[in-house]
Protein backbone atom coordinates (compact mmCIF):
# COMPACT_ATOMS: atom_id res chain seq x y z
CA MET A 1 -8.49 15.47 -41.47
CA HIS A 2 -7.06 12.97 -43.72
CA PHE A 3 -8.30 9.38 -44.49
CA ARG A 4 -6.94 6.51 -46.38
CA TRP A 5 -8.77 3.21 -47.14
CA HIS A 6 -7.10 0.48 -46.24
CA ALA A 7 -10.93 -12.23 -36.78
CA ARG A 8 -9.96 -13.61 -33.98
CA ARG A 9 -9.16 -16.68 -32.13
CA ASP A 10 -12.20 -18.89 -32.12
CA LEU A 11 -13.42 -22.49 -32.57
CA LEU A 12 -10.11 -24.22 -33.64
CA VAL A 13 -6.51 -23.40 -34.23
CA ARG A 14 -6.11 -20.02 -35.98
CA HIS A 15 -3.33 -18.81 -38.04
CA ALA A 16 -2.26 -15.10 -37.73
CA VAL A 17 -4.44 -12.53 -39.49
CA THR A 18 -3.26 -12.38 -43.17
CA SER A 19 -4.19 -10.12 -45.78
CA SER A 20 -2.95 -12.33 -48.75
CA PHE A 21 -6.44 -13.78 -49.61
CA SER A 22 -8.08 -10.51 -49.18
CA ALA A 23 -5.48 -8.53 -51.05
CA ALA A 24 -5.59 -11.16 -53.93
CA TRP A 25 -9.54 -11.00 -53.85
CA LEU A 26 -9.62 -7.16 -54.01
CA ARG A 27 -7.30 -7.19 -57.07
CA GLY A 28 -9.67 -9.57 -58.81
CA ASP A 29 -7.35 -12.48 -58.94
CA ALA A 30 -8.90 -15.44 -60.60
CA SER A 31 -7.52 -17.83 -58.02
CA ALA A 32 -9.12 -15.96 -55.13
CA LEU A 33 -12.33 -15.49 -56.98
CA SER A 34 -12.74 -19.18 -57.39
CA PHE A 35 -13.12 -19.14 -53.61
CA LEU A 36 -15.24 -16.06 -53.03
CA SER A 37 -17.29 -14.30 -55.47
CA ASP A 38 -16.85 -10.47 -55.98
CA ASP A 39 -20.38 -10.09 -57.10
CA TYR A 40 -20.43 -7.07 -54.87
CA ARG A 41 -18.77 -5.26 -57.70
CA HIS A 42 -21.72 -5.98 -60.24
CA ARG A 43 -24.93 -4.13 -60.14
CA GLU A 44 -27.00 -7.19 -61.66
CA ALA A 45 -25.52 -9.49 -59.02
CA ARG A 46 -26.23 -7.18 -56.20
CA ALA A 47 -29.80 -7.04 -57.42
CA ARG A 48 -29.98 -10.79 -57.43
CA ALA A 49 -28.84 -10.98 -53.76
CA VAL A 50 -31.03 -8.54 -52.76
CA ALA A 51 -34.14 -10.31 -54.33
CA ALA A 52 -33.05 -13.56 -52.89
CA ALA A 53 -32.83 -12.01 -49.36
CA ALA A 54 -36.28 -10.45 -49.74
CA SER A 55 -38.05 -13.96 -50.11
CA ARG A 56 -37.03 -14.35 -46.36
CA THR A 57 -38.71 -12.93 -43.35
CA VAL A 58 -37.87 -12.03 -39.91
CA SER A 59 -39.64 -14.06 -37.34
CA PRO A 60 -42.09 -12.36 -34.86
CA ALA A 61 -39.97 -13.93 -32.05
CA LEU A 62 -36.78 -12.20 -33.40
CA LEU A 63 -38.57 -8.99 -34.00
CA ASP A 64 -39.67 -9.03 -30.38
CA VAL A 65 -36.20 -9.63 -29.14
CA LEU A 66 -34.72 -6.68 -31.42
CA ALA A 67 -37.20 -4.35 -30.20
CA ALA A 68 -36.52 -5.09 -26.58
CA GLN A 69 -32.71 -5.02 -27.12
CA ASN A 70 -32.88 -1.76 -28.99
CA ALA A 71 -35.44 -0.08 -26.66
CA ARG A 72 -32.68 0.30 -23.97
CA LEU A 73 -30.39 2.38 -26.24
CA ALA A 74 -30.32 6.05 -26.64
CA PRO A 75 -33.57 7.18 -28.40
CA SER A 76 -33.39 7.18 -32.22
CA PRO A 77 -36.50 7.84 -34.51
CA ALA A 78 -34.31 6.39 -37.38
CA ARG A 79 -33.70 3.15 -35.55
CA GLU A 80 -37.42 2.79 -34.61
CA ARG A 81 -38.31 3.19 -38.40
CA ASN A 82 -35.61 0.39 -39.33
CA LEU A 83 -37.10 -1.91 -36.90
CA ALA A 84 -40.52 -1.15 -38.23
CA LEU A 85 -39.07 -1.97 -41.78
CA LEU A 86 -37.63 -5.35 -40.59
CA ALA A 87 -41.11 -6.50 -39.88
CA ARG A 88 -42.31 -5.92 -43.31
CA PRO A 89 -41.96 -8.75 -45.75
CA GLY A 90 -39.38 -7.61 -48.62
CA THR A 91 -37.03 -5.77 -46.29
CA VAL A 92 -33.42 -7.01 -46.55
CA ALA A 93 -30.43 -6.49 -44.12
CA VAL A 94 -26.82 -5.51 -44.37
CA VAL A 95 -25.01 -7.17 -41.60
CA THR A 96 -21.60 -6.32 -40.10
CA GLY A 97 -20.27 -7.22 -36.51
CA GLN A 98 -17.24 -6.85 -34.25
CA GLN A 99 -15.89 -7.98 -31.03
CA MET A 100 -16.52 -5.55 -27.88
CA GLY A 101 -13.42 -3.77 -27.71
CA LEU A 102 -12.76 -1.16 -24.83
CA PHE A 103 -13.81 2.29 -25.57
CA LEU A 104 -14.92 0.77 -28.87
CA GLY A 105 -11.57 -0.70 -29.73
CA PRO A 106 -9.63 -0.10 -32.60
CA LEU A 107 -10.90 2.42 -35.24
CA TYR A 108 -12.03 -0.09 -37.80
CA THR A 109 -14.82 -0.90 -35.67
CA LEU A 110 -16.35 2.53 -36.60
CA TYR A 111 -15.44 2.01 -40.13
CA LYS A 112 -17.38 -1.34 -40.21
CA ALA A 113 -20.49 0.35 -38.77
CA ALA A 114 -20.14 3.21 -41.26
CA SER A 115 -19.71 0.73 -44.19
CA ALA A 116 -22.77 -1.22 -43.44
CA ILE A 117 -24.67 1.82 -43.23
CA VAL A 118 -23.63 3.28 -46.52
CA THR A 119 -23.86 -0.03 -48.11
CA ALA A 120 -27.49 -0.30 -47.05
CA ARG A 121 -28.28 3.04 -48.41
CA ALA A 122 -26.87 2.17 -51.86
CA LEU A 123 -28.54 -1.20 -52.08
CA GLN A 124 -32.00 0.50 -51.19
CA GLU A 125 -31.31 3.22 -53.82
CA GLU A 126 -30.39 0.77 -56.52
CA THR A 127 -33.17 -1.95 -55.86
CA GLY A 128 -35.98 0.03 -54.34
CA ARG A 129 -36.16 -2.48 -51.62
CA PRO A 130 -36.02 -1.42 -47.91
CA CYS A 131 -32.57 -2.22 -46.72
CA VAL A 132 -31.70 -1.95 -43.07
CA PRO A 133 -28.10 -1.82 -41.42
CA VAL A 134 -27.67 -4.40 -38.61
CA PHE A 135 -24.67 -4.78 -36.24
CA TRP A 136 -24.23 -8.29 -34.96
CA LEU A 137 -22.62 -7.78 -31.39
CA GLN A 138 -20.14 -10.79 -31.02
CA THR A 139 -20.80 -11.47 -27.42
CA GLU A 140 -20.46 -15.21 -27.84
CA ASP A 141 -16.61 -14.89 -28.18
CA HIS A 142 -14.36 -15.31 -25.15
CA ASP A 143 -10.98 -13.81 -26.13
CA LEU A 144 -10.64 -11.18 -23.50
CA PRO A 145 -7.04 -10.26 -24.34
CA GLU A 146 -8.11 -9.10 -27.81
CA ILE A 147 -10.52 -6.61 -26.46
CA ASP A 148 -9.64 -5.48 -22.80
CA HIS A 149 -7.66 -2.54 -24.08
CA CYS A 150 -7.75 0.72 -26.07
CA VAL A 151 -4.65 2.25 -27.65
CA ILE A 152 -4.57 6.35 -28.17
CA PRO A 153 -1.85 8.42 -29.75
CA ARG A 154 0.12 11.01 -27.52
CA PRO A 155 1.08 14.22 -29.22
CA GLY A 156 4.33 14.15 -27.55
CA GLY A 157 5.32 10.75 -27.24
CA GLY A 158 4.57 7.01 -27.64
CA PRO A 159 1.21 5.45 -27.51
CA CYS A 160 -0.80 5.23 -24.44
CA ARG A 161 -2.48 1.92 -23.82
CA LEU A 162 -5.49 1.81 -21.51
CA ALA A 163 -6.49 -1.91 -20.32
CA LEU A 164 -8.96 -3.39 -17.89
CA GLU A 165 -7.44 -5.52 -15.07
CA LEU A 166 -9.94 -8.51 -15.31
CA PRO A 167 -9.36 -11.65 -13.20
CA ASP A 168 -8.38 -14.91 -15.23
CA ALA A 169 -8.50 -12.65 -18.58
CA ALA A 170 -5.96 -14.78 -20.28
CA THR A 171 -7.49 -18.06 -19.49
CA SER A 172 -11.20 -17.25 -19.35
CA ARG A 173 -13.43 -19.26 -21.81
CA ALA A 174 -16.76 -17.55 -20.65
CA PRO A 175 -18.56 -15.55 -23.54
CA ILE A 176 -17.96 -11.62 -23.28
CA ALA A 177 -21.56 -11.17 -22.78
CA HIS A 178 -21.34 -12.28 -19.13
CA ARG A 179 -18.09 -10.06 -18.44
CA HIS A 180 -18.66 -6.89 -16.28
CA LEU A 181 -16.06 -4.14 -16.68
CA GLY A 182 -15.18 -4.01 -12.96
CA PRO A 183 -13.61 -1.39 -10.99
CA SER A 184 -10.41 -1.06 -13.16
CA VAL A 185 -12.44 0.74 -15.76
CA LEU A 186 -12.37 3.84 -13.56
CA PRO A 187 -8.68 4.35 -13.62
CA ALA A 188 -8.75 3.71 -17.40
CA LEU A 189 -11.28 6.58 -17.65
CA ALA A 190 -9.28 8.83 -15.51
CA THR A 191 -6.05 8.09 -17.55
CA LEU A 192 -8.09 8.91 -20.66
CA ARG A 193 -9.39 12.15 -19.32
CA ALA A 194 -5.98 13.38 -18.14
CA GLU A 195 -4.54 12.51 -21.78
CA LEU A 196 -7.18 14.08 -23.70
CA LYS A 197 -8.86 16.81 -21.59
CA ALA A 198 -7.07 19.58 -23.51
CA GLU A 199 -8.44 18.58 -26.88
CA PRO A 200 -11.26 20.84 -28.19
CA HIS A 201 -14.28 18.35 -27.99
CA ALA A 202 -12.99 16.26 -25.24
CA GLU A 203 -15.78 16.88 -22.58
CA GLU A 204 -18.53 15.72 -24.97
CA PHE A 205 -16.96 12.32 -25.85
CA LEU A 206 -15.32 11.77 -22.51
CA CYS A 207 -18.83 12.08 -20.70
CA LEU A 208 -20.38 9.80 -23.32
CA LEU A 209 -17.75 7.23 -22.21
CA GLU A 210 -18.14 7.78 -18.61
CA GLN A 211 -21.94 7.27 -18.81
CA ALA A 212 -21.57 4.12 -20.43
CA TYR A 213 -18.40 2.52 -19.00
CA ARG A 214 -19.38 1.89 -15.45
CA PRO A 215 -18.01 -0.84 -13.18
CA GLU A 216 -21.35 -2.63 -13.14
CA ALA A 217 -21.89 -2.53 -16.75
CA THR A 218 -20.90 -5.25 -19.08
CA LEU A 219 -18.39 -4.85 -21.90
CA ALA A 220 -21.22 -5.70 -24.55
CA GLN A 221 -23.79 -2.95 -22.75
CA ALA A 222 -21.00 -0.19 -22.63
CA PHE A 223 -19.90 -0.78 -26.23
CA THR A 224 -23.46 -0.75 -27.64
CA ASP A 225 -24.43 2.41 -25.58
CA VAL A 226 -21.54 4.24 -27.06
CA LEU A 227 -21.66 2.77 -30.84
CA SER A 228 -25.56 3.26 -30.83
CA SER A 229 -25.15 7.06 -29.87
CA LEU A 230 -22.56 7.49 -32.73
CA PHE A 231 -25.01 6.25 -35.22
CA ALA A 232 -28.48 7.25 -33.90
CA ASP A 233 -29.12 9.60 -36.63
CA GLU A 234 -28.59 6.39 -39.03
CA GLY A 235 -30.69 4.17 -37.49
CA LEU A 236 -28.21 1.45 -36.92
CA VAL A 237 -29.79 -1.67 -35.43
CA PHE A 238 -28.00 -3.88 -33.00
CA LEU A 239 -28.46 -7.56 -32.36
CA ASP A 240 -26.94 -9.40 -29.36
CA PRO A 241 -27.20 -13.17 -30.01
CA ARG A 242 -26.54 -14.13 -26.51
CA ASP A 243 -29.92 -13.72 -25.39
CA ALA A 244 -31.96 -16.32 -23.66
CA ARG A 245 -34.94 -15.56 -25.96
CA LEU A 246 -32.98 -16.01 -29.05
CA ALA A 247 -31.49 -19.32 -28.13
CA PRO A 248 -34.34 -21.50 -29.36
CA LEU A 249 -34.27 -19.62 -32.62
CA ALA A 250 -30.47 -20.71 -32.88
CA ALA A 251 -31.08 -24.27 -31.75
CA PRO A 252 -31.58 -25.50 -35.39
CA VAL A 253 -28.48 -24.24 -36.47
CA HIS A 254 -26.50 -25.89 -33.52
CA ARG A 255 -28.40 -29.17 -34.04
CA PHE A 256 -27.30 -28.92 -37.80
CA ALA A 257 -23.70 -28.48 -36.82
CA LEU A 258 -23.89 -31.41 -34.48
CA GLN A 259 -25.64 -33.86 -36.68
CA GLU A 260 -23.49 -33.04 -39.73
CA ALA A 261 -20.14 -32.48 -37.91
CA GLY A 262 -18.50 -35.44 -39.59
CA THR A 263 -19.40 -34.24 -43.07
CA LEU A 264 -19.18 -30.55 -42.57
CA SER A 265 -15.46 -31.16 -41.15
CA ALA A 266 -14.64 -33.26 -44.27
CA VAL A 267 -15.90 -30.79 -46.72
CA LEU A 268 -14.35 -27.85 -44.85
CA ALA A 269 -11.01 -29.61 -44.66
CA ALA A 270 -11.06 -30.22 -48.33
CA ARG A 271 -11.76 -26.55 -49.04
CA ALA A 272 -8.82 -25.46 -46.74
CA GLU A 273 -6.48 -27.87 -48.59
CA ALA A 274 -7.61 -26.11 -51.76
CA LEU A 275 -6.92 -22.80 -50.32
CA THR A 276 -3.46 -24.02 -49.29
CA ARG A 277 -2.71 -25.59 -52.66
CA ALA A 278 -3.65 -21.90 -54.17
CA GLY A 279 -1.15 -20.39 -51.95
CA TYR A 280 -3.39 -18.81 -49.34
CA THR A 281 -3.02 -19.03 -45.60
CA VAL A 282 -6.14 -20.82 -43.93
CA GLN A 283 -7.75 -18.69 -41.64
CA VAL A 284 -9.63 -21.23 -39.39
CA HIS A 285 -8.58 -24.71 -39.34
CA VAL A 286 -11.14 -27.44 -38.78
CA ARG A 287 -10.33 -30.58 -36.73
CA PRO A 288 -11.93 -33.83 -38.07
CA GLY A 289 -15.40 -34.71 -36.92
CA SER A 290 -15.49 -31.58 -34.51
CA PRO A 291 -18.80 -29.60 -34.86
CA LEU A 292 -18.88 -25.88 -35.47
CA SER A 293 -20.51 -25.33 -32.14
CA PHE A 294 -19.04 -24.63 -28.56
CA PHE A 295 -20.60 -26.03 -25.45
CA SER A 296 -20.74 -24.77 -21.85
CA PRO A 297 -21.19 -27.80 -19.59
CA ASP A 298 -20.85 -26.07 -16.24
CA ALA A 299 -23.16 -23.09 -16.37
CA LEU A 300 -25.25 -21.06 -18.87
CA ASN A 301 -22.73 -18.17 -18.29
CA GLY A 302 -19.77 -20.47 -17.91
CA PRO A 303 -16.80 -21.44 -19.83
CA ARG A 304 -17.40 -22.58 -23.44
CA TYR A 305 -15.38 -25.75 -24.94
CA ARG A 306 -14.95 -27.18 -28.12
CA LEU A 307 -16.24 -30.53 -28.84
CA ASP A 308 -14.16 -33.35 -30.23
CA PRO A 309 -15.57 -36.78 -31.07
CA THR A 310 -14.14 -39.61 -28.84
CA GLU A 311 -15.34 -43.09 -28.65
CA ALA A 312 -18.59 -43.82 -30.53
CA GLY A 313 -21.61 -41.94 -29.25
CA ALA A 314 -19.48 -39.45 -27.02
CA TRP A 315 -17.72 -36.12 -27.24
CA GLY A 316 -14.54 -34.77 -25.34
CA LEU A 317 -14.68 -31.34 -24.00
CA VAL A 318 -11.31 -29.96 -25.19
CA GLY A 319 -9.53 -28.01 -22.43
CA HIS A 320 -12.04 -28.76 -19.84
CA PRO A 321 -10.15 -29.22 -16.42
CA ASP A 322 -11.87 -32.73 -15.75
CA SER A 323 -11.21 -33.69 -19.27
CA GLY A 324 -14.89 -34.06 -19.60
CA VAL A 325 -16.75 -36.19 -21.84
CA ILE A 326 -20.44 -36.01 -22.83
CA THR A 327 -22.65 -38.46 -24.76
CA ARG A 328 -24.28 -37.62 -27.95
CA ASP A 329 -27.71 -38.16 -26.35
CA ALA A 330 -26.88 -35.84 -23.56
CA LEU A 331 -25.59 -33.21 -25.81
CA HIS A 332 -28.84 -33.35 -27.86
CA ALA A 333 -30.91 -33.37 -24.54
CA ALA A 334 -29.03 -30.08 -23.68
CA LEU A 335 -29.79 -28.52 -26.88
CA GLU A 336 -33.45 -29.21 -26.60
CA ARG A 337 -33.50 -28.30 -22.84
CA GLU A 338 -31.05 -25.32 -22.54
CA PRO A 339 -29.98 -24.02 -26.10
CA LEU A 340 -28.04 -21.23 -24.37
CA ARG A 341 -25.36 -23.53 -23.48
CA PHE A 342 -24.49 -23.49 -27.30
CA THR A 343 -22.52 -20.86 -28.85
CA THR A 344 -21.14 -20.34 -32.46
CA SER A 345 -17.54 -20.34 -33.87
CA ALA A 346 -16.24 -18.04 -36.60
CA LEU A 347 -17.55 -20.26 -39.33
CA LEU A 348 -20.81 -21.00 -37.80
CA ARG A 349 -21.69 -17.48 -36.99
CA PRO A 350 -22.36 -16.29 -40.39
CA LEU A 351 -24.76 -19.15 -40.97
CA LEU A 352 -26.68 -18.22 -37.88
CA GLN A 353 -26.78 -14.45 -38.88
CA ASP A 354 -28.35 -15.43 -42.19
CA THR A 355 -30.75 -17.89 -40.87
CA LEU A 356 -32.32 -15.23 -38.60
CA LEU A 357 -32.01 -12.31 -40.76
CA PRO A 358 -32.73 -11.69 -44.51
CA THR A 359 -29.11 -11.02 -45.32
CA ALA A 360 -28.30 -9.45 -48.63
CA ALA A 361 -24.66 -8.48 -47.73
CA TYR A 362 -22.08 -8.95 -44.92
CA VAL A 363 -19.50 -6.27 -44.54
CA GLY A 364 -16.19 -7.45 -43.21
CA GLY A 365 -12.51 -6.91 -42.88
CA PRO A 366 -9.48 -8.53 -44.44
CA GLY A 367 -9.59 -11.39 -41.89
CA GLU A 368 -13.35 -12.07 -42.49
CA LEU A 369 -13.03 -12.01 -46.05
CA ALA A 370 -10.16 -14.75 -45.55
CA TYR A 371 -12.40 -16.93 -43.71
CA PHE A 372 -15.53 -16.35 -45.83
CA ALA A 373 -13.44 -17.91 -48.54
CA GLN A 374 -13.97 -21.16 -46.71
CA LEU A 375 -17.57 -21.06 -46.26
CA ALA A 376 -19.06 -22.07 -49.64
CA PRO A 377 -19.14 -25.70 -48.60
CA LEU A 378 -20.90 -24.97 -45.27
CA TYR A 379 -23.59 -22.93 -46.92
CA ALA A 380 -24.18 -25.37 -49.85
CA HIS A 381 -24.67 -28.33 -47.28
CA ALA A 382 -27.11 -26.02 -45.41
CA GLY A 383 -28.96 -25.47 -48.64
CA GLN A 384 -28.58 -21.72 -48.14
CA PRO A 385 -27.22 -19.03 -50.47
CA MET A 386 -24.17 -16.92 -49.24
CA PRO A 387 -24.82 -13.19 -49.04
CA LEU A 388 -22.79 -10.80 -50.91
CA ALA A 389 -19.27 -10.47 -49.03
CA ILE A 390 -18.42 -6.66 -49.05
CA PRO A 391 -15.00 -5.20 -47.85
CA ARG A 392 -15.37 -2.55 -45.35
CA ALA A 393 -14.00 0.68 -45.61
CA ARG A 394 -10.21 1.31 -44.57
CA PHE A 395 -9.12 4.53 -43.61
CA ARG A 396 -5.78 6.31 -42.64
CA VAL A 397 -6.55 9.50 -40.76
CA LEU A 398 -4.15 12.48 -40.69
CA ASP A 399 -5.16 15.48 -38.34
CA ASP A 400 -3.54 18.71 -38.44
CA ARG A 401 -0.78 17.73 -36.08
CA ALA A 402 0.34 14.80 -38.20
CA ARG A 403 0.35 16.84 -41.53
CA ARG A 404 2.42 19.38 -39.77
CA TRP A 405 4.77 16.62 -38.72
CA LEU A 406 4.93 15.26 -42.26
CA GLY A 407 5.63 18.68 -43.65
CA LYS A 408 8.58 19.22 -41.33
CA VAL A 409 10.49 16.00 -42.36
CA GLY A 410 9.16 16.06 -45.78
CA LEU A 411 7.64 12.66 -45.78
CA GLN A 412 4.56 11.18 -47.60
CA PRO A 413 2.41 9.05 -45.32
CA ASP A 414 3.09 5.91 -47.13
CA GLU A 415 6.92 6.24 -46.24
CA VAL A 416 6.11 6.02 -42.58
CA SER A 417 5.52 2.40 -42.81
CA VAL A 418 9.45 1.87 -43.70
CA PRO A 419 11.26 0.45 -40.72
CA ARG A 420 12.37 3.27 -38.38
CA ASP A 421 16.23 2.91 -38.70
CA ALA A 422 15.78 2.96 -42.46
CA LEU A 423 13.33 5.74 -42.47
CA LEU A 424 15.98 7.84 -40.16
CA THR A 425 18.70 6.79 -42.35
CA ARG A 426 16.97 7.90 -45.58
CA LEU A 427 16.43 11.33 -43.90
CA ALA A 428 19.98 11.65 -42.73
CA THR A 429 21.40 10.95 -46.05
CA ARG A 430 18.92 12.96 -48.02
CA ASP A 431 19.36 16.05 -45.75
CA ALA A 432 23.14 15.70 -45.59
CA PRO A 433 26.07 17.00 -47.71
CA GLU A 434 26.56 15.32 -51.11
CA SER A 435 29.76 13.57 -49.91
CA LEU A 436 27.86 11.60 -47.25
CA GLU A 437 27.04 8.21 -48.58
CA THR A 438 24.25 6.00 -47.84
CA PRO A 439 25.21 2.66 -45.68
CA GLU A 440 24.46 0.51 -48.92
CA ALA A 441 26.78 2.69 -51.14
CA LEU A 442 29.47 2.69 -48.61
CA GLU A 443 29.41 -1.05 -48.17
CA ALA A 444 29.44 -1.51 -51.83
CA ARG A 445 32.49 0.74 -52.31
CA LEU A 446 34.43 -0.59 -49.54
CA PHE A 447 33.73 -4.23 -50.29
CA GLY A 448 33.98 -3.76 -54.08
CA ALA A 449 37.35 -2.36 -53.74
CA PHE A 450 38.84 -5.15 -51.73
CA SER A 451 37.03 -7.77 -53.99
CA SER A 452 38.66 -6.12 -57.04
CA GLU A 453 42.23 -6.11 -55.37
CA LEU A 454 41.76 -9.68 -54.16
CA GLU A 455 40.84 -10.79 -57.61
CA ARG A 456 43.74 -9.18 -59.07
CA VAL A 457 46.33 -11.07 -56.73
CA THR A 458 44.58 -14.33 -56.63
CA GLY A 459 46.54 -15.65 -59.56
CA GLN A 460 49.84 -14.48 -58.06
CA VAL A 461 49.14 -16.04 -54.70
CA SER A 462 47.79 -19.39 -56.13
CA ALA A 463 50.87 -19.79 -58.30
CA VAL A 464 53.04 -19.76 -55.12
CA ASP A 465 50.84 -22.21 -53.39
CA ALA A 466 47.65 -23.63 -54.73
CA ASN A 467 46.55 -24.59 -51.05
CA LEU A 468 46.10 -20.81 -50.51
CA GLN A 469 42.76 -20.82 -52.40
CA ASP A 470 40.89 -21.70 -49.30
CA ALA A 471 42.51 -19.06 -47.30
CA LEU A 472 41.76 -16.39 -49.97
CA ARG A 473 38.03 -17.50 -49.89
CA ARG A 474 38.27 -17.43 -45.85
CA THR A 475 39.62 -13.78 -46.16
CA GLN A 476 36.99 -12.62 -48.44
CA GLY A 477 34.20 -13.96 -46.04
CA THR A 478 35.86 -12.53 -42.90
CA VAL A 479 36.34 -8.92 -44.64
CA ARG A 480 32.64 -9.10 -45.83
CA VAL A 481 31.51 -9.67 -42.35
CA ALA A 482 33.62 -6.76 -41.11
CA VAL A 483 32.54 -4.33 -43.72
CA SER A 484 28.90 -5.40 -43.01
CA ARG A 485 29.52 -4.62 -39.38
CA LEU A 486 31.19 -1.30 -39.96
CA THR A 487 28.25 -0.29 -42.34
CA GLY A 488 25.60 -1.36 -39.61
CA ARG A 489 27.39 0.87 -36.99
CA TYR A 490 27.50 3.64 -39.68
CA ARG A 491 23.81 3.29 -40.43
CA ARG A 492 22.96 3.41 -36.71
CA ALA A 493 24.95 6.72 -36.39
CA LEU A 494 23.07 8.30 -39.27
CA ALA A 495 19.88 7.25 -37.63
CA ARG A 496 20.98 8.98 -34.34
CA ARG A 497 22.41 12.07 -36.18
CA ASP A 498 19.29 14.20 -35.85
CA ALA A 499 17.56 13.88 -32.80
CA THR A 500 14.66 16.14 -33.94
CA ALA A 501 14.04 14.13 -36.86
CA ALA A 502 14.12 11.05 -34.73
CA GLU A 503 11.49 12.54 -32.43
CA GLN A 504 9.22 13.49 -35.31
CA VAL A 505 9.48 10.12 -37.05
CA ASP A 506 8.49 8.37 -33.84
CA ARG A 507 5.52 10.67 -33.52
CA LEU A 508 4.54 9.78 -37.13
CA ARG A 509 4.92 6.11 -36.69
CA THR A 510 3.25 6.15 -33.45
CA PHE A 511 0.22 7.96 -35.26
CA LEU A 512 0.24 6.40 -38.67
CA PHE A 513 1.82 3.00 -38.15
CA PRO A 514 1.49 2.22 -34.54
CA GLU A 515 3.12 -1.00 -33.24
CA ASP A 516 4.25 -1.69 -36.75
CA ALA A 517 0.69 -2.10 -37.94
CA PRO A 518 -1.84 0.08 -39.81
CA GLN A 519 -3.32 2.81 -37.79
CA GLU A 520 -6.96 1.46 -37.99
CA ARG A 521 -5.90 -1.71 -36.47
CA VAL A 522 -4.35 -0.22 -33.30
CA LEU A 523 -5.47 3.33 -32.44
CA GLY A 524 -8.86 3.86 -30.87
CA LEU A 525 -11.71 6.43 -31.37
CA PRO A 526 -11.21 8.61 -28.20
CA TYR A 527 -8.48 10.85 -29.55
CA PHE A 528 -10.02 11.55 -32.84
CA ALA A 529 -13.55 12.15 -31.30
CA CYS A 530 -12.11 14.58 -28.74
CA ARG A 531 -10.01 16.31 -31.08
CA ILE A 532 -12.43 16.64 -34.10
CA GLY A 533 -15.72 16.08 -32.41
CA THR A 534 -17.91 13.04 -32.00
CA ARG A 535 -20.44 13.74 -34.58
CA ALA A 536 -18.12 15.70 -36.94
CA PHE A 537 -15.75 12.67 -36.91
CA THR A 538 -18.35 10.16 -37.49
CA LYS A 539 -20.08 12.30 -40.18
CA THR A 540 -16.59 12.60 -42.06
CA VAL A 541 -16.24 8.91 -41.88
CA LEU A 542 -19.74 8.31 -43.34
CA ASP A 543 -19.11 10.68 -46.05
CA ALA A 544 -15.79 9.11 -46.91
CA CYS A 545 -17.29 5.72 -47.40
CA VAL A 546 -17.65 4.62 -51.07
CA PRO A 547 -20.18 1.75 -51.59
CA PHE A 548 -19.10 -1.33 -53.19
CA SER A 549 -15.54 0.00 -53.56
CA GLY A 550 -12.75 -1.68 -51.51
CA ASP A 551 -10.12 0.65 -53.01
CA SER A 552 -7.62 2.59 -51.08
CA LYS A 553 -8.34 6.35 -51.06
CA ASP A 554 -7.03 9.67 -49.38
CA LEU A 555 -9.46 12.29 -48.26
CA THR A 556 -8.20 15.52 -46.52
CA PRO A 557 -11.27 17.78 -45.64
């Protein structure tokens, strides 16, 4: 097995996920560090963050809810010990979280959980303070199309996409917490079994999925059942914020977001402008005067809507079919009476996490690091210190099949991310006789020869008629286009020249760079668990995590 290091649509308009900020931040660029500290790299700063978190305690009400939520999961003495530690003053938490992807979604879900566990161990060893890993289930989110599917590689072909068929999936605004899997999960499981049944450890993992992913279960329940089983030995604790017993504890955060909406939107907009001036894409854009909370006006488990200020003392429900408006007084009354009607956005969720938990560090992916760069004004206005921001582990997995395919075509893993036609052309010209030119060399030779001759006769032609200069330039342009078309056809012919190489490249791209994206962002766990073994794969990931790193790394057990 081989590994390599390597948010979502939410409250407001969201740009495509970009690694530009996180890449600069991981490099240690001064401009990026001015928006988000890299204190996680420094032992003294880590100790300060742990000491600050240790001064906060977990409320008895939250401890009761955590005990009840985790009691329904597979037995885990390590989890019981961690829950007991959270009740002790001085214990801190390392938090991570993710949406509820089908069959755990992309591989980076597993990497996040493993990173939080390894980080918690390292901080505890460094500081001597108890440190508990907590997985925050993002059940308040409502974006079904981002999570209703799972992709696995096929050894002999393209990727296999398994998806639920949920009514109104594209338009639903209801929190994920209230969505049941429904009957379409059964054919998805059947397809998964048909695709993976021949793998050595298929029965073990497929049975685990089939026990959890039942039509009557919610997406969140099934996801938590499986992930908690994977990390039972490590004692990973789970927290589902979409719980009526937790709503009163979250109410002060939503009250703050409502009361300070104008000020918060102003300081966050200024922060976004500063990020833009520094050359970074803003991850979450804030509308003027809009609070960082969603509101569900129709039912506790109903659609949630963003709030926009309208006339004085009233809020508009953006996207509500009746163009609903609610008065400020009615909104605050709803918060007092039924706080479960309120849910967090991407920018407010971290503040809620760190209000409920003694968070020393948050482990996030590239997209989360980008919007964490926006959060300092929010925390400052709330009078609360930000936790350490720590990059999650990023792996690229190569099994024996992929290594064999790489060996046959003589490629390194990094080369597979090159566009398909360019990669096939490279292989064709690399393995062909020396007389076979690359498309670039052929184009340069053809057009270079023509341009040279054209330059030689330009003076002669112009001497006959100076008006022929324009004709010469047009001829040059026409020939350039014709040569480019010819070399384009030549390039495609080279790409088709070796069908076997094309098949092997397609297999490799499906495995290492599926859908033109890093493996960890597309492929799901089932293939790897069925081929390697559930615990063996999980343990390998845990062993490969390097705390406080963020660097790329390959591992071949």
